[in-house]
Protein backbone atom coordinates (compact mmCIF):
# COMPACT_ATOMS: atom_id res chain seq x y z
CA MET A 1 0.00 0.00 0.00
CA THR A 2 1.11 3.55 -0.69
CA LEU A 3 1.43 6.13 2.05
CA ARG A 4 -1.86 7.73 0.97
CA GLU A 5 -3.61 4.35 0.96
CA ARG A 6 -2.31 3.67 4.49
CA GLU A 7 -3.61 7.07 5.63
CA VAL A 8 -7.03 6.35 4.11
CA ALA A 9 -7.06 2.87 5.68
CA GLY A 10 -6.32 4.45 9.06
CA GLU A 11 -9.22 6.87 8.67
CA ILE A 12 -11.57 4.06 7.58
CA ARG A 13 -10.44 2.07 10.62
CA ARG A 14 -11.21 5.10 12.81
CA LEU A 15 -14.66 5.47 11.24
CA ALA A 16 -15.41 1.80 11.86
CA GLN A 17 -14.24 1.87 15.47
CA GLU A 18 -15.40 5.29 16.65
CA ASP A 19 -18.47 6.03 14.57
CA LEU A 20 -19.80 2.50 14.00
CA ARG A 21 -18.52 1.03 17.29
CA VAL A 22 -16.77 -1.94 15.66
CA GLU A 23 -14.68 -3.50 18.40
CA GLY A 24 -11.12 -4.75 18.26
CA PRO A 25 -8.27 -4.20 15.83
CA PHE A 26 -8.99 -4.02 12.12
CA ASP A 27 -6.28 -5.61 9.94
CA ASP A 28 -5.67 -4.21 6.44
CA GLY A 29 -6.07 -7.63 4.81
CA GLU A 30 -9.10 -8.70 6.83
CA GLU A 31 -12.24 -9.55 4.86
CA LEU A 32 -14.82 -6.84 5.56
CA ALA A 33 -17.76 -9.20 5.09
CA ALA A 34 -16.31 -11.61 7.66
CA ARG A 35 -16.09 -8.84 10.23
CA LEU A 36 -19.22 -6.77 9.53
CA ASP A 37 -22.82 -7.76 9.01
CA SER A 38 -24.62 -6.34 5.97
CA LEU A 39 -26.03 -3.33 7.85
CA LEU A 40 -22.66 -2.38 9.32
CA LEU A 41 -21.03 -2.83 5.94
CA LEU A 42 -23.59 -0.50 4.35
CA ALA A 43 -23.08 2.01 7.17
CA LEU A 44 -19.30 1.85 6.64
CA VAL A 45 -19.65 2.44 2.90
CA THR A 46 -21.91 5.42 3.54
CA ALA A 47 -19.50 6.83 6.13
CA VAL A 48 -16.58 6.37 3.70
CA GLU A 49 -18.49 8.09 0.90
CA ASP A 50 -19.35 11.01 3.18
CA ARG A 51 -15.87 11.35 4.69
CA PHE A 52 -13.91 11.10 1.44
CA ARG A 53 -16.54 12.63 -0.88
CA VAL A 54 -16.58 9.68 -3.29
CA ILE A 55 -19.37 7.58 -4.74
CA LEU A 56 -18.93 3.82 -4.59
CA SER A 57 -20.94 1.70 -7.00
CA GLU A 58 -22.22 -1.85 -6.64
CA GLU A 59 -19.50 -2.84 -9.10
CA ASP A 60 -16.91 -1.30 -6.78
CA ALA A 61 -18.36 -3.24 -3.86
CA ALA A 62 -18.16 -6.49 -5.81
CA THR A 63 -14.39 -6.15 -6.18
CA THR A 64 -13.65 -4.82 -2.69
CA ARG A 65 -12.93 -7.48 -0.10
CA SER A 66 -10.57 -6.04 2.50
CA LEU A 67 -9.84 -2.78 4.26
CA ALA A 68 -6.77 -2.39 2.01
CA ASP A 69 -8.96 -2.91 -1.09
CA LEU A 70 -11.38 -0.25 0.14
CA ALA A 71 -8.54 2.20 0.85
CA ARG A 72 -7.08 1.65 -2.64
CA LEU A 73 -10.53 2.17 -4.17
CA VAL A 74 -11.07 5.44 -2.28
CA VAL A 75 -7.66 6.77 -3.34
CA ARG A 76 -8.36 5.80 -6.96
CA LYS A 77 -11.82 7.45 -6.89
CA GLN A 78 -10.36 10.64 -5.42
CA ALA A 79 -7.68 10.72 -8.12
CA GLU A 80 -10.31 10.21 -10.84
CA HIS A 81 -12.42 13.01 -9.38
CA ALA A 82 -9.43 15.38 -9.21
CA ARG A 83 -8.48 14.55 -12.79
CA ASP A 84 -12.05 15.17 -14.04
CA ALA A 85 -12.52 18.40 -12.08
CA PRO A 86 -12.39 21.64 -14.14
């Protein structure tokens, strides 16, 4: 993971633990679906979209398994948004 991806992963971890009250450590490679039920997963996606000002599609969700995957996706979406901005 890049430095930026690690920073984003740390913020996602914080969102999960502080805002959603997910207990215990959250490993970068851990499967999100194994750790979170469907409602918590949806809440995490919404929190990530709000915090990082990105829109995640169902297609994005289908290819995102771990915290590291989600962090990489957010960084990529932010870069795409910056590139498309006037």
